PDB file of N, CA and C in Angstrom:
ATOM      1  N   MET A   1      35.637 159.505  49.847  1.00  0.00           N
ATOM      2  CA  MET A   1      35.397 160.184  51.084  1.00  0.00           C
ATOM      3  C   MET A   1      36.735 160.554  51.739  1.00  0.00           C
ATOM      4  N   THR A   2      36.868 161.790  52.183  1.00  0.00           N
ATOM      5  CA  THR A   2      38.112 162.228  52.814  1.00  0.00           C
ATOM      6  C   THR A   2      37.935 162.360  54.313  1.00  0.00           C
ATOM      7  N   ASN A   3      39.026 162.225  54.988  1.00  0.00           N
ATOM      8  CA  ASN A   3      39.021 162.367  56.444  1.00  0.00           C
ATOM      9  C   ASN A   3      39.307 163.827  56.784  1.00  0.00           C
ATOM     10  N   GLU A   4      38.375 164.498  57.442  1.00  0.00           N
ATOM     11  CA  GLU A   4      38.525 165.918  57.789  1.00  0.00           C
ATOM     12  C   GLU A   4      39.706 166.181  58.711  1.00  0.00           C
ATOM     13  N   HIS A   5      40.029 165.234  59.544  1.00  0.00           N
ATOM     14  CA  HIS A   5      41.059 165.421  60.567  1.00  0.00           C
ATOM     15  C   HIS A   5      42.437 164.966  60.099  1.00  0.00           C
ATOM     16  N   GLU A   6      42.576 164.633  58.838  1.00  0.00           N
ATOM     17  CA  GLU A   6      43.811 164.088  58.319  1.00  0.00           C
ATOM     18  C   GLU A   6      44.999 165.056  58.443  1.00  0.00           C
ATOM     19  N   ASN A   7      44.783 166.349  58.253  1.00  0.00           N
ATOM     20  CA  ASN A   7      45.867 167.328  58.248  1.00  0.00           C
ATOM     21  C   ASN A   7      46.102 168.008  59.587  1.00  0.00           C
ATOM     22  N   GLN A   8      45.432 167.563  60.623  1.00  0.00           N
ATOM     23  CA  GLN A   8      45.598 168.184  61.932  1.00  0.00           C
ATOM     24  C   GLN A   8      46.740 167.519  62.692  1.00  0.00           C
ATOM     25  N   ASP A   9      47.425 168.318  63.496  1.00  0.00           N
ATOM     26  CA  ASP A   9      48.468 167.769  64.359  1.00  0.00           C
ATOM     27  C   ASP A   9      47.818 166.901  65.415  1.00  0.00           C
ATOM     28  N   ARG A  10      48.468 165.827  65.755  1.00  0.00           N
ATOM     29  CA  ARG A  10      47.884 164.896  66.705  1.00  0.00           C
ATOM     30  C   ARG A  10      48.770 164.689  67.927  1.00  0.00           C
ATOM     31  N   ALA A  11      49.521 165.673  68.330  1.00  0.00           N
ATOM     32  CA  ALA A  11      50.378 165.552  69.515  1.00  0.00           C
ATOM     33  C   ALA A  11      49.513 165.561  70.770  1.00  0.00           C
ATOM     34  N   ARG A  12      49.871 164.717  71.703  1.00  0.00           N
ATOM     35  CA  ARG A  12      49.155 164.704  72.980  1.00  0.00           C
ATOM     36  C   ARG A  12      49.519 165.963  73.752  1.00  0.00           C
ATOM     37  N   PRO A  13      48.553 166.663  74.332  1.00  0.00           N
ATOM     38  CA  PRO A  13      48.839 167.894  75.083  1.00  0.00           C
ATOM     39  C   PRO A  13      49.809 167.679  76.242  1.00  0.00           C
ATOM     40  N   ASP A  14      49.780 166.504  76.887  1.00  0.00           N
ATOM     41  CA  ASP A  14      50.692 166.257  78.004  1.00  0.00           C
ATOM     42  C   ASP A  14      52.100 165.893  77.540  1.00  0.00           C
ATOM     43  N   ALA A  15      52.293 165.678  76.240  1.00  0.00           N
ATOM     44  CA  ALA A  15      53.614 165.343  75.720  1.00  0.00           C
ATOM     45  C   ALA A  15      54.390 166.573  75.268  1.00  0.00           C
ATOM     46  N   ILE A  16      53.757 167.717  75.268  1.00  0.00           N
ATOM     47  CA  ILE A  16      54.400 168.949  74.817  1.00  0.00           C
ATOM     48  C   ILE A  16      54.851 169.751  76.017  1.00  0.00           C
ATOM     49  N   GLN A  17      56.071 170.223  75.952  1.00  0.00           N
ATOM     50  CA  GLN A  17      56.603 171.056  77.031  1.00  0.00           C
ATOM     51  C   GLN A  17      56.836 172.450  76.458  1.00  0.00           C
ATOM     52  N   TRP A  18      56.110 173.425  76.967  1.00  0.00           N
ATOM     53  CA  TRP A  18      56.200 174.791  76.463  1.00  0.00           C
ATOM     54  C   TRP A  18      57.251 175.548  77.241  1.00  0.00           C
ATOM     55  N   LYS A  19      58.370 175.879  76.594  1.00  0.00           N
ATOM     56  CA  LYS A  19      59.418 176.702  77.188  1.00  0.00           C
ATOM     57  C   LYS A  19      59.453 177.989  76.389  1.00  0.00           C
ATOM     58  N   LEU A  20      58.851 179.015  76.951  1.00  0.00           N
ATOM     59  CA  LEU A  20      58.729 180.276  76.223  1.00  0.00           C
ATOM     60  C   LEU A  20      59.796 181.278  76.602  1.00  0.00           C
ATOM     61  N   GLY A  21      60.796 180.867  77.342  1.00  0.00           N
ATOM     62  CA  GLY A  21      61.849 181.780  77.755  1.00  0.00           C
ATOM     63  C   GLY A  21      61.485 182.523  79.011  1.00  0.00           C
ATOM     64  N   PHE A  22      62.293 183.502  79.337  1.00  0.00           N
ATOM     65  CA  PHE A  22      62.140 184.252  80.582  1.00  0.00           C
ATOM     66  C   PHE A  22      60.752 184.853  80.730  1.00  0.00           C
ATOM     67  N   GLY A  23      60.267 185.509  79.717  1.00  0.00           N
ATOM     68  CA  GLY A  23      58.972 186.174  79.806  1.00  0.00           C
ATOM     69  C   GLY A  23      57.809 185.220  79.928  1.00  0.00           C
ATOM     70  N   GLY A  24      57.928 184.032  79.330  1.00  0.00           N
ATOM     71  CA  GLY A  24      56.832 183.085  79.383  1.00  0.00           C
ATOM     72  C   GLY A  24      56.687 182.398  80.722  1.00  0.00           C
ATOM     73  N   GLU A  25      57.776 182.177  81.434  1.00  0.00           N
ATOM     74  CA  GLU A  25      57.725 181.481  82.705  1.00  0.00           C
ATOM     75  C   GLU A  25      57.523 182.431  83.875  1.00  0.00           C
ATOM     76  N   HIS A  26      57.755 183.682  83.663  1.00  0.00           N
ATOM     77  CA  HIS A  26      57.676 184.669  84.744  1.00  0.00           C
ATOM     78  C   HIS A  26      56.242 185.158  84.891  1.00  0.00           C
ATOM     79  N   LYS A  27      55.711 185.101  86.107  1.00  0.00           N
ATOM     80  CA  LYS A  27      54.326 185.491  86.306  1.00  0.00           C
ATOM     81  C   LYS A  27      54.161 186.605  87.333  1.00  0.00           C
ATOM     82  N   ASN A  28      55.229 187.136  87.864  1.00  0.00           N
ATOM     83  CA  ASN A  28      55.165 188.219  88.844  1.00  0.00           C
ATOM     84  C   ASN A  28      55.135 189.568  88.152  1.00  0.00           C
ATOM     85  N   SER A  29      54.739 190.587  88.890  1.00  0.00           N
ATOM     86  CA  SER A  29      54.783 191.941  88.348  1.00  0.00           C
ATOM     87  C   SER A  29      56.113 192.607  88.693  1.00  0.00           C
ATOM     88  N   ILE A  30      56.990 191.877  89.391  1.00  0.00           N
ATOM     89  CA  ILE A  30      58.308 192.395  89.781  1.00  0.00           C
ATOM     90  C   ILE A  30      59.397 191.541  89.150  1.00  0.00           C
ATOM     91  N   VAL A  31      60.416 192.172  88.585  1.00  0.00           N
ATOM     92  CA  VAL A  31      61.626 191.489  88.132  1.00  0.00           C
ATOM     93  C   VAL A  31      62.803 192.108  88.860  1.00  0.00           C
ATOM     94  N   TRP A  32      63.907 191.417  88.851  1.00  0.00           N
ATOM     95  CA  TRP A  32      65.105 191.881  89.553  1.00  0.00           C
ATOM     96  C   TRP A  32      66.171 192.235  88.538  1.00  0.00           C
ATOM     97  N   ARG A  33      66.662 193.459  88.651  1.00  0.00           N
ATOM     98  CA  ARG A  33      67.657 193.977  87.718  1.00  0.00           C
ATOM     99  C   ARG A  33      69.012 193.990  88.409  1.00  0.00           C
ATOM    100  N   CYS A  34      70.017 193.490  87.713  1.00  0.00           N
ATOM    101  CA  CYS A  34      71.389 193.515  88.223  1.00  0.00           C
ATOM    102  C   CYS A  34      72.217 194.366  87.267  1.00  0.00           C
ATOM    103  N   ASP A  35      72.666 195.511  87.758  1.00  0.00           N
ATOM    104  CA  ASP A  35      73.497 196.406  86.961  1.00  0.00           C
ATOM    105  C   ASP A  35      74.957 196.213  87.331  1.00  0.00           C
ATOM    106  N   ALA A  36      75.796 196.096  86.328  1.00  0.00           N
ATOM    107  CA  ALA A  36      77.239 196.031  86.527  1.00  0.00           C
ATOM    108  C   ALA A  36      77.809 197.406  86.176  1.00  0.00           C
ATOM    109  N   LEU A  37      78.497 198.012  87.118  1.00  0.00           N
ATOM    110  CA  LEU A  37      79.075 199.343  86.918  1.00  0.00           C
ATOM    111  C   LEU A  37      80.595 199.249  86.939  1.00  0.00           C
ATOM    112  N   ARG A  38      81.212 199.945  86.028  1.00  0.00           N
ATOM    113  CA  ARG A  38      82.677 200.034  85.999  1.00  0.00           C
ATOM    114  C   ARG A  38      83.026 201.508  85.867  1.00  0.00           C
ATOM    115  N   ALA A  39      83.809 201.999  86.797  1.00  0.00           N
ATOM    116  CA  ALA A  39      84.220 203.408  86.827  1.00  0.00           C
ATOM    117  C   ALA A  39      82.998 204.332  86.850  1.00  0.00           C
ATOM    118  N   GLY A  40      81.940 203.902  87.556  1.00  0.00           N
ATOM    119  CA  GLY A  40      80.760 204.728  87.699  1.00  0.00           C
ATOM    120  C   GLY A  40      79.821 204.735  86.512  1.00  0.00           C
ATOM    121  N   ARG A  41      80.112 203.954  85.488  1.00  0.00           N
ATOM    122  CA  ARG A  41      79.274 203.910  84.288  1.00  0.00           C
ATOM    123  C   ARG A  41      78.671 202.522  84.127  1.00  0.00           C
ATOM    124  N   LEU A  42      77.449 202.491  83.588  1.00  0.00           N
ATOM    125  CA  LEU A  42      76.765 201.225  83.362  1.00  0.00           C
ATOM    126  C   LEU A  42      77.529 200.412  82.320  1.00  0.00           C
ATOM    127  N   TYR A  43      77.910 199.210  82.717  1.00  0.00           N
ATOM    128  CA  TYR A  43      78.670 198.324  81.842  1.00  0.00           C
ATOM    129  C   TYR A  43      77.775 197.221  81.272  1.00  0.00           C
ATOM    130  N   ASN A  44      76.879 196.686  82.117  1.00  0.00           N
ATOM    131  CA  ASN A  44      76.004 195.600  81.698  1.00  0.00           C
ATOM    132  C   ASN A  44      74.751 195.598  82.567  1.00  0.00           C
ATOM    133  N   ARG A  45      73.627 195.155  82.015  1.00  0.00           N
ATOM    134  CA  ARG A  45      72.372 195.061  82.762  1.00  0.00           C
ATOM    135  C   ARG A  45      71.727 193.713  82.461  1.00  0.00           C
ATOM    136  N   SER A  46      71.342 192.997  83.517  1.00  0.00           N
ATOM    137  CA  SER A  46      70.704 191.690  83.373  1.00  0.00           C
ATOM    138  C   SER A  46      69.413 191.680  84.181  1.00  0.00           C
ATOM    139  N   LEU A  47      68.428 190.909  83.713  1.00  0.00           N
ATOM    140  CA  LEU A  47      67.142 190.780  84.409  1.00  0.00           C
ATOM    141  C   LEU A  47      66.944 189.348  84.871  1.00  0.00           C
ATOM    142  N   PHE A  48      66.323 189.205  86.056  1.00  0.00           N
ATOM    143  CA  PHE A  48      66.086 187.896  86.647  1.00  0.00           C
ATOM    144  C   PHE A  48      64.679 187.833  87.205  1.00  0.00           C
ATOM    145  N   GLY A  49      64.131 186.631  87.292  1.00  0.00           N
ATOM    146  CA  GLY A  49      62.793 186.436  87.809  1.00  0.00           C
ATOM    147  C   GLY A  49      62.701 186.448  89.316  1.00  0.00           C
ATOM    148  N   THR A  50      63.807 186.122  90.001  1.00  0.00           N
ATOM    149  CA  THR A  50      63.791 186.093  91.464  1.00  0.00           C
ATOM    150  C   THR A  50      65.007 186.829  92.014  1.00  0.00           C
ATOM    151  N   ARG A  51      64.878 187.266  93.254  1.00  0.00           N
ATOM    152  CA  ARG A  51      65.992 187.951  93.905  1.00  0.00           C
ATOM    153  C   ARG A  51      67.176 187.004  94.098  1.00  0.00           C
ATOM    154  N   GLU A  52      66.882 185.746  94.416  1.00  0.00           N
ATOM    155  CA  GLU A  52      67.942 184.762  94.637  1.00  0.00           C
ATOM    156  C   GLU A  52      68.800 184.581  93.389  1.00  0.00           C
ATOM    157  N   GLU A  53      68.159 184.513  92.223  1.00  0.00           N
ATOM    158  CA  GLU A  53      68.908 184.387  90.969  1.00  0.00           C
ATOM    159  C   GLU A  53      69.806 185.594  90.745  1.00  0.00           C
ATOM    160  N   ALA A  54      69.267 186.769  90.964  1.00  0.00           N
ATOM    161  CA  ALA A  54      70.035 188.001  90.754  1.00  0.00           C
ATOM    162  C   ALA A  54      71.209 188.092  91.723  1.00  0.00           C
ATOM    163  N   GLU A  55      70.973 187.771  93.000  1.00  0.00           N
ATOM    164  CA  GLU A  55      72.040 187.829  94.004  1.00  0.00           C
ATOM    165  C   GLU A  55      73.126 186.793  93.712  1.00  0.00           C
ATOM    166  N   GLN A  56      72.721 185.591  93.299  1.00  0.00           N
ATOM    167  CA  GLN A  56      73.693 184.544  92.958  1.00  0.00           C
ATOM    168  C   GLN A  56      74.551 184.973  91.769  1.00  0.00           C
ATOM    169  N   PHE A  57      73.909 185.570  90.766  1.00  0.00           N
ATOM    170  CA  PHE A  57      74.640 186.065  89.600  1.00  0.00           C
ATOM    171  C   PHE A  57      75.646 187.136  90.012  1.00  0.00           C
ATOM    172  N   ALA A  58      75.202 188.094  90.823  1.00  0.00           N
ATOM    173  CA  ALA A  58      76.093 189.174  91.261  1.00  0.00           C
ATOM    174  C   ALA A  58      77.256 188.623  92.076  1.00  0.00           C
ATOM    175  N   GLN A  59      76.983 187.661  92.951  1.00  0.00           N
ATOM    176  CA  GLN A  59      78.043 187.068  93.774  1.00  0.00           C
ATOM    177  C   GLN A  59      79.081 186.361  92.898  1.00  0.00           C
ATOM    178  N   ASN A  60      78.624 185.597  91.913  1.00  0.00           N
ATOM    179  CA  ASN A  60      79.553 184.917  91.004  1.00  0.00           C
ATOM    180  C   ASN A  60      80.363 185.916  90.184  1.00  0.00           C
ATOM    181  N   MET A  61      79.720 186.976  89.728  1.00  0.00           N
ATOM    182  CA  MET A  61      80.419 187.960  88.912  1.00  0.00           C
ATOM    183  C   MET A  61      81.422 188.770  89.721  1.00  0.00           C
ATOM    184  N   ARG A  62      81.148 188.999  90.998  1.00  0.00           N
ATOM    185  CA  ARG A  62      82.104 189.727  91.849  1.00  0.00           C
ATOM    186  C   ARG A  62      83.427 188.974  91.952  1.00  0.00           C
ATOM    187  N   ARG A  63      83.347 187.645  91.954  1.00  0.00           N
ATOM    188  CA  ARG A  63      84.580 186.843  92.001  1.00  0.00           C
ATOM    189  C   ARG A  63      85.345 186.921  90.689  1.00  0.00           C
ATOM    190  N   VAL A  64      84.617 186.922  89.579  1.00  0.00           N
ATOM    191  CA  VAL A  64      85.233 186.920  88.251  1.00  0.00           C
ATOM    192  C   VAL A  64      85.698 188.311  87.837  1.00  0.00           C
ATOM    193  N   GLU A  65      84.910 189.327  88.155  1.00  0.00           N
ATOM    194  CA  GLU A  65      85.189 190.715  87.759  1.00  0.00           C
ATOM    195  C   GLU A  65      85.292 191.601  89.008  1.00  0.00           C
ATOM    196  N   PRO A  66      86.392 191.535  89.733  1.00  0.00           N
ATOM    197  CA  PRO A  66      86.503 192.310  90.979  1.00  0.00           C
ATOM    198  C   PRO A  66      86.541 193.827  90.772  1.00  0.00           C
ATOM    199  N   ASP A  67      86.789 194.289  89.546  1.00  0.00           N
ATOM    200  CA  ASP A  67      86.847 195.732  89.288  1.00  0.00           C
ATOM    201  C   ASP A  67      85.477 196.327  88.982  1.00  0.00           C
ATOM    202  N   GLN A  68      84.425 195.521  89.010  1.00  0.00           N
ATOM    203  CA  GLN A  68      83.075 196.013  88.744  1.00  0.00           C
ATOM    204  C   GLN A  68      82.259 196.039  90.034  1.00  0.00           C
ATOM    205  N   MET A  69      81.309 196.967  90.080  1.00  0.00           N
ATOM    206  CA  MET A  69      80.349 197.042  91.178  1.00  0.00           C
ATOM    207  C   MET A  69      79.032 196.472  90.659  1.00  0.00           C
ATOM    208  N   PHE A  70      78.333 195.712  91.496  1.00  0.00           N
ATOM    209  CA  PHE A  70      77.067 195.112  91.094  1.00  0.00           C
ATOM    210  C   PHE A  70      75.962 195.587  92.013  1.00  0.00           C
ATOM    211  N   ASN A  71      74.886 196.052  91.412  1.00  0.00           N
ATOM    212  CA  ASN A  71      73.745 196.581  92.139  1.00  0.00           C
ATOM    213  C   ASN A  71      72.507 195.780  91.743  1.00  0.00           C
ATOM    214  N   VAL A  72      71.820 195.180  92.741  1.00  0.00           N
ATOM    215  CA  VAL A  72      70.608 194.401  92.496  1.00  0.00           C
ATOM    216  C   VAL A  72      69.425 195.188  93.041  1.00  0.00           C
ATOM    217  N   GLU A  73      68.394 195.353  92.210  1.00  0.00           N
ATOM    218  CA  GLU A  73      67.199 196.064  92.669  1.00  0.00           C
ATOM    219  C   GLU A  73      65.947 195.508  92.007  1.00  0.00           C
ATOM    220  N   ALA A  74      64.814 195.654  92.697  1.00  0.00           N
ATOM    221  CA  ALA A  74      63.516 195.233  92.183  1.00  0.00           C
ATOM    222  C   ALA A  74      62.934 196.332  91.325  1.00  0.00           C
ATOM    223  N   ILE A  75      62.359 195.941  90.178  1.00  0.00           N
ATOM    224  CA  ILE A  75      61.688 196.905  89.305  1.00  0.00           C
ATOM    225  C   ILE A  75      60.371 196.299  88.839  1.00  0.00           C
ATOM    226  N   LYS A  76      59.457 197.126  88.386  1.00  0.00           N
ATOM    227  CA  LYS A  76      58.185 196.645  87.845  1.00  0.00           C
ATOM    228  C   LYS A  76      58.422 196.025  86.468  1.00  0.00           C
ATOM    229  N   ALA A  77      57.829 194.878  86.244  1.00  0.00           N
ATOM    230  CA  ALA A  77      57.973 194.204  84.959  1.00  0.00           C
ATOM    231  C   ALA A  77      57.410 195.056  83.829  1.00  0.00           C
ATOM    232  N   SER A  78      56.418 195.859  84.104  1.00  0.00           N
ATOM    233  CA  SER A  78      55.806 196.690  83.067  1.00  0.00           C
ATOM    234  C   SER A  78      56.769 197.734  82.515  1.00  0.00           C
ATOM    235  N   THR A  79      57.841 198.050  83.237  1.00  0.00           N
ATOM    236  CA  THR A  79      58.830 198.988  82.713  1.00  0.00           C
ATOM    237  C   THR A  79      59.768 198.328  81.710  1.00  0.00           C
ATOM    238  N   VAL A  80      59.751 196.992  81.683  1.00  0.00           N
ATOM    239  CA  VAL A  80      60.615 196.254  80.775  1.00  0.00           C
ATOM    240  C   VAL A  80      59.853 195.832  79.531  1.00  0.00           C
ATOM    241  N   TRP A  81      58.684 195.255  79.705  1.00  0.00           N
ATOM    242  CA  TRP A  81      57.832 194.863  78.604  1.00  0.00           C
ATOM    243  C   TRP A  81      56.381 195.000  79.020  1.00  0.00           C
ATOM    244  N   ASN A  82      55.509 195.042  78.042  1.00  0.00           N
ATOM    245  CA  ASN A  82      54.084 195.178  78.360  1.00  0.00           C
ATOM    246  C   ASN A  82      53.265 194.107  77.721  1.00  0.00           C
TER     247      ASN A  82
END
């Protein structure tokens, strides 16, 4: 006689922590985009889940890269992924 449940995973659901990255933890329809501009041209673009994260990032980068301009704006998440 064989045990039907022998090959099943037996991890407790409360012992597993699901970290799916930015997209998995974000539940809003709005994301915050921070564009870094140098000489009027887009140099780098970063996305954040909250305005506070984006503003903190821009503030830190202004100290490190004083020759760049940083623009923070809200955009619809559907324009980034669907």
